[in-house]
Amino acid sequence: MPKMKAPEGATGCSHAGEAYDVDDAGHVTVPDAAVVDLKSHGYEPVADVAQETDEEVDARIKAENAAQAEADAAAAASKKGGKK
């Protein structure tokens, strides 16, 4: 079954009465028959060689969240330091 990149903001899709959830990486695995229909709704095929494992997705999301938390903390500290 092919994996497709969902359009921004999509949380899932359906085809032939079956629902498919978008994962944390923004991908959804669907039957071959769904590909043409989903492409017309902005979904794009994901290259097989570039697919992440669940562990890689979890690690990437954890790193992105940590980097965002660090940036937020630095911004908050900067605002505190600028007030007199």
N, C-alpha and C. Protein backbone atom coordinates (compact mmCIF):
# COMPACT_ATOMS: atom_id res chain seq x y z
N MET A 1 0.85 -1.18 0.00
CA MET A 1 0.00 0.00 0.00
C MET A 1 0.89 1.24 0.00
N PRO A 2 0.61 2.19 -0.86
CA PRO A 2 1.45 3.38 -0.97
C PRO A 2 1.23 4.35 0.19
N LYS A 3 2.28 5.12 0.45
CA LYS A 3 2.22 6.16 1.46
C LYS A 3 2.13 7.49 0.73
N MET A 4 1.26 8.38 1.24
CA MET A 4 1.08 9.69 0.61
C MET A 4 1.26 10.79 1.64
N LYS A 5 1.77 11.94 1.19
CA LYS A 5 1.91 13.13 2.03
C LYS A 5 0.59 13.88 1.98
N ALA A 6 0.00 14.12 3.14
CA ALA A 6 -1.28 14.81 3.21
C ALA A 6 -1.08 16.32 3.06
N PRO A 7 -2.09 17.01 2.54
CA PRO A 7 -2.01 18.47 2.48
C PRO A 7 -1.97 19.03 3.90
N GLU A 8 -1.40 20.21 4.04
CA GLU A 8 -1.28 20.84 5.35
C GLU A 8 -2.66 20.95 6.02
N GLY A 9 -2.72 20.55 7.27
CA GLY A 9 -3.96 20.63 8.04
C GLY A 9 -4.84 19.40 7.97
N ALA A 10 -4.57 18.50 7.04
CA ALA A 10 -5.39 17.28 6.92
C ALA A 10 -5.04 16.32 8.05
N THR A 11 -6.06 15.72 8.63
CA THR A 11 -5.85 14.75 9.71
C THR A 11 -6.22 13.34 9.29
N GLY A 12 -6.79 13.21 8.10
CA GLY A 12 -7.17 11.91 7.60
C GLY A 12 -7.87 12.02 6.26
N CYS A 13 -8.25 10.88 5.74
CA CYS A 13 -8.98 10.83 4.48
C CYS A 13 -9.82 9.56 4.48
N SER A 14 -10.67 9.46 3.48
CA SER A 14 -11.44 8.23 3.34
C SER A 14 -11.51 7.86 1.87
N HIS A 15 -11.66 6.56 1.63
CA HIS A 15 -11.78 6.05 0.27
C HIS A 15 -12.56 4.76 0.33
N ALA A 16 -13.56 4.65 -0.51
CA ALA A 16 -14.39 3.44 -0.59
C ALA A 16 -14.96 3.05 0.77
N GLY A 17 -15.34 4.05 1.56
CA GLY A 17 -15.96 3.81 2.85
C GLY A 17 -15.01 3.49 3.99
N GLU A 18 -13.70 3.53 3.73
CA GLU A 18 -12.71 3.26 4.77
C GLU A 18 -11.99 4.55 5.14
N ALA A 19 -11.77 4.77 6.44
CA ALA A 19 -11.07 5.96 6.91
C ALA A 19 -9.60 5.65 7.17
N TYR A 20 -8.73 6.62 6.86
CA TYR A 20 -7.29 6.47 7.04
C TYR A 20 -6.77 7.72 7.74
N ASP A 21 -6.05 7.52 8.86
CA ASP A 21 -5.52 8.64 9.64
C ASP A 21 -4.15 9.07 9.13
N VAL A 22 -3.90 10.37 9.19
CA VAL A 22 -2.60 10.93 8.87
C VAL A 22 -1.72 10.77 10.11
N ASP A 23 -0.47 10.30 9.93
CA ASP A 23 0.43 10.12 11.06
C ASP A 23 1.12 11.44 11.43
N ASP A 24 1.97 11.40 12.46
CA ASP A 24 2.65 12.60 12.94
C ASP A 24 3.58 13.22 11.91
N ALA A 25 4.01 12.43 10.94
CA ALA A 25 4.88 12.95 9.88
C ALA A 25 4.08 13.55 8.73
N GLY A 26 2.75 13.50 8.83
CA GLY A 26 1.92 14.04 7.75
C GLY A 26 1.67 13.06 6.63
N HIS A 27 1.88 11.76 6.89
CA HIS A 27 1.71 10.73 5.87
C HIS A 27 0.50 9.87 6.17
N VAL A 28 -0.05 9.29 5.13
CA VAL A 28 -1.16 8.35 5.28
C VAL A 28 -0.92 7.20 4.31
N THR A 29 -1.12 5.98 4.79
CA THR A 29 -0.97 4.79 3.97
C THR A 29 -2.34 4.37 3.48
N VAL A 30 -2.48 4.25 2.17
CA VAL A 30 -3.79 3.99 1.56
C VAL A 30 -3.68 2.87 0.53
N PRO A 31 -4.81 2.29 0.12
CA PRO A 31 -4.78 1.28 -0.94
C PRO A 31 -4.38 1.90 -2.28
N ASP A 32 -3.85 1.09 -3.16
CA ASP A 32 -3.46 1.58 -4.49
C ASP A 32 -4.59 2.30 -5.20
N ALA A 33 -5.80 1.81 -5.05
CA ALA A 33 -6.94 2.40 -5.75
C ALA A 33 -7.26 3.81 -5.30
N ALA A 34 -6.76 4.22 -4.14
CA ALA A 34 -7.06 5.56 -3.61
C ALA A 34 -6.13 6.64 -4.14
N VAL A 35 -4.99 6.27 -4.69
CA VAL A 35 -3.96 7.23 -5.06
C VAL A 35 -4.47 8.30 -6.02
N VAL A 36 -5.08 7.91 -7.10
CA VAL A 36 -5.54 8.88 -8.11
C VAL A 36 -6.55 9.85 -7.50
N ASP A 37 -7.51 9.32 -6.75
CA ASP A 37 -8.52 10.18 -6.13
C ASP A 37 -7.89 11.15 -5.13
N LEU A 38 -6.99 10.66 -4.31
CA LEU A 38 -6.38 11.52 -3.28
C LEU A 38 -5.47 12.58 -3.89
N LYS A 39 -4.81 12.26 -5.00
CA LYS A 39 -3.98 13.26 -5.67
C LYS A 39 -4.82 14.46 -6.09
N SER A 40 -6.07 14.22 -6.47
CA SER A 40 -6.93 15.33 -6.87
C SER A 40 -7.34 16.20 -5.69
N HIS A 41 -7.06 15.73 -4.47
CA HIS A 41 -7.37 16.50 -3.26
C HIS A 41 -6.11 17.02 -2.58
N GLY A 42 -4.98 17.01 -3.28
CA GLY A 42 -3.76 17.60 -2.76
C GLY A 42 -2.80 16.64 -2.08
N TYR A 43 -3.12 15.36 -2.02
CA TYR A 43 -2.20 14.38 -1.45
C TYR A 43 -1.15 14.04 -2.51
N GLU A 44 0.09 13.84 -2.06
CA GLU A 44 1.19 13.53 -2.98
C GLU A 44 1.88 12.24 -2.57
N PRO A 45 2.24 11.40 -3.54
CA PRO A 45 2.97 10.17 -3.20
C PRO A 45 4.30 10.47 -2.52
N VAL A 46 4.67 9.64 -1.58
CA VAL A 46 5.95 9.76 -0.88
C VAL A 46 6.90 8.75 -1.49
N ALA A 47 8.12 9.18 -1.81
CA ALA A 47 9.12 8.27 -2.39
C ALA A 47 9.44 7.17 -1.39
N ASP A 48 9.47 5.94 -1.85
CA ASP A 48 9.75 4.80 -0.99
C ASP A 48 11.08 4.91 -0.27
N VAL A 49 12.09 5.45 -0.93
CA VAL A 49 13.42 5.50 -0.33
C VAL A 49 13.51 6.51 0.81
N ALA A 50 12.57 7.44 0.91
CA ALA A 50 12.66 8.49 1.92
C ALA A 50 11.74 8.26 3.11
N GLN A 51 11.13 7.10 3.24
CA GLN A 51 10.19 6.88 4.32
C GLN A 51 10.91 6.67 5.65
N GLU A 52 10.40 7.32 6.69
CA GLU A 52 10.96 7.19 8.03
C GLU A 52 10.29 6.03 8.76
N THR A 53 11.06 5.42 9.64
CA THR A 53 10.46 4.41 10.52
C THR A 53 9.71 5.14 11.62
N ASP A 54 8.86 4.42 12.35
CA ASP A 54 8.14 5.03 13.47
C ASP A 54 9.11 5.60 14.50
N GLU A 55 10.20 4.91 14.74
CA GLU A 55 11.20 5.38 15.70
C GLU A 55 11.85 6.67 15.21
N GLU A 56 12.14 6.75 13.91
CA GLU A 56 12.73 7.97 13.36
C GLU A 56 11.76 9.14 13.44
N VAL A 57 10.50 8.89 13.18
CA VAL A 57 9.48 9.94 13.28
C VAL A 57 9.41 10.42 14.73
N ASP A 58 9.34 9.49 15.69
CA ASP A 58 9.27 9.86 17.10
C ASP A 58 10.48 10.69 17.52
N ALA A 59 11.67 10.27 17.10
CA ALA A 59 12.90 10.99 17.45
C ALA A 59 12.91 12.39 16.83
N ARG A 60 12.48 12.50 15.58
CA ARG A 60 12.46 13.80 14.91
C ARG A 60 11.47 14.74 15.60
N ILE A 61 10.29 14.24 15.92
CA ILE A 61 9.28 15.07 16.58
C ILE A 61 9.77 15.50 17.96
N LYS A 62 10.39 14.59 18.69
CA LYS A 62 10.93 14.92 20.01
C LYS A 62 11.99 16.03 19.89
N ALA A 63 12.87 15.92 18.92
CA ALA A 63 13.92 16.93 18.71
C ALA A 63 13.31 18.26 18.30
N GLU A 64 12.31 18.24 17.42
CA GLU A 64 11.65 19.48 17.01
C GLU A 64 10.95 20.15 18.19
N ASN A 65 10.28 19.35 19.03
CA ASN A 65 9.60 19.90 20.20
C ASN A 65 10.60 20.48 21.20
N ALA A 66 11.74 19.81 21.39
CA ALA A 66 12.77 20.32 22.30
C ALA A 66 13.35 21.63 21.78
N ALA A 67 13.61 21.70 20.49
CA ALA A 67 14.14 22.92 19.89
C ALA A 67 13.15 24.07 20.02
N GLN A 68 11.86 23.78 19.84
CA GLN A 68 10.83 24.82 19.98
C GLN A 68 10.75 25.29 21.42
N ALA A 69 10.81 24.36 22.37
CA ALA A 69 10.76 24.72 23.79
C ALA A 69 11.96 25.60 24.16
N GLU A 70 13.13 25.26 23.62
CA GLU A 70 14.33 26.05 23.88
C GLU A 70 14.19 27.45 23.29
N ALA A 71 13.67 27.55 22.08
CA ALA A 71 13.46 28.86 21.45
C ALA A 71 12.44 29.68 22.22
N ASP A 72 11.38 29.04 22.69
CA ASP A 72 10.36 29.74 23.48
C ASP A 72 10.94 30.26 24.79
N ALA A 73 11.76 29.43 25.44
CA ALA A 73 12.39 29.85 26.70
C ALA A 73 13.35 31.01 26.47
N ALA A 74 14.11 30.98 25.39
CA ALA A 74 15.04 32.07 25.08
C ALA A 74 14.27 33.36 24.79
N ALA A 75 13.15 33.25 24.08
CA ALA A 75 12.35 34.43 23.78
C ALA A 75 11.75 35.02 25.06
N ALA A 76 11.29 34.15 25.95
CA ALA A 76 10.72 34.62 27.22
C ALA A 76 11.79 35.29 28.07
N ALA A 77 12.99 34.72 28.10
CA ALA A 77 14.09 35.30 28.87
C ALA A 77 14.49 36.64 28.29
N SER A 78 14.47 36.75 26.98
CA SER A 78 14.82 38.00 26.31
C SER A 78 13.81 39.09 26.65
N LYS A 79 12.54 38.74 26.69
CA LYS A 79 11.50 39.71 27.04
C LYS A 79 11.66 40.17 28.48
N LYS A 80 11.98 39.27 29.39
CA LYS A 80 12.17 39.62 30.79
C LYS A 80 13.37 40.55 30.95
N GLY A 81 14.44 40.25 30.23
CA GLY A 81 15.65 41.05 30.32
C GLY A 81 15.48 42.44 29.74
N GLY A 82 14.55 42.61 28.83
CA GLY A 82 14.32 43.90 28.19
C GLY A 82 13.44 44.84 28.98
N LYS A 83 12.71 44.34 29.97
CA LYS A 83 11.82 45.16 30.80
C LYS A 83 12.59 45.77 31.96
N LYS A 84 12.28 47.02 32.28
CA LYS A 84 12.93 47.69 33.41
C LYS A 84 11.92 48.36 34.28
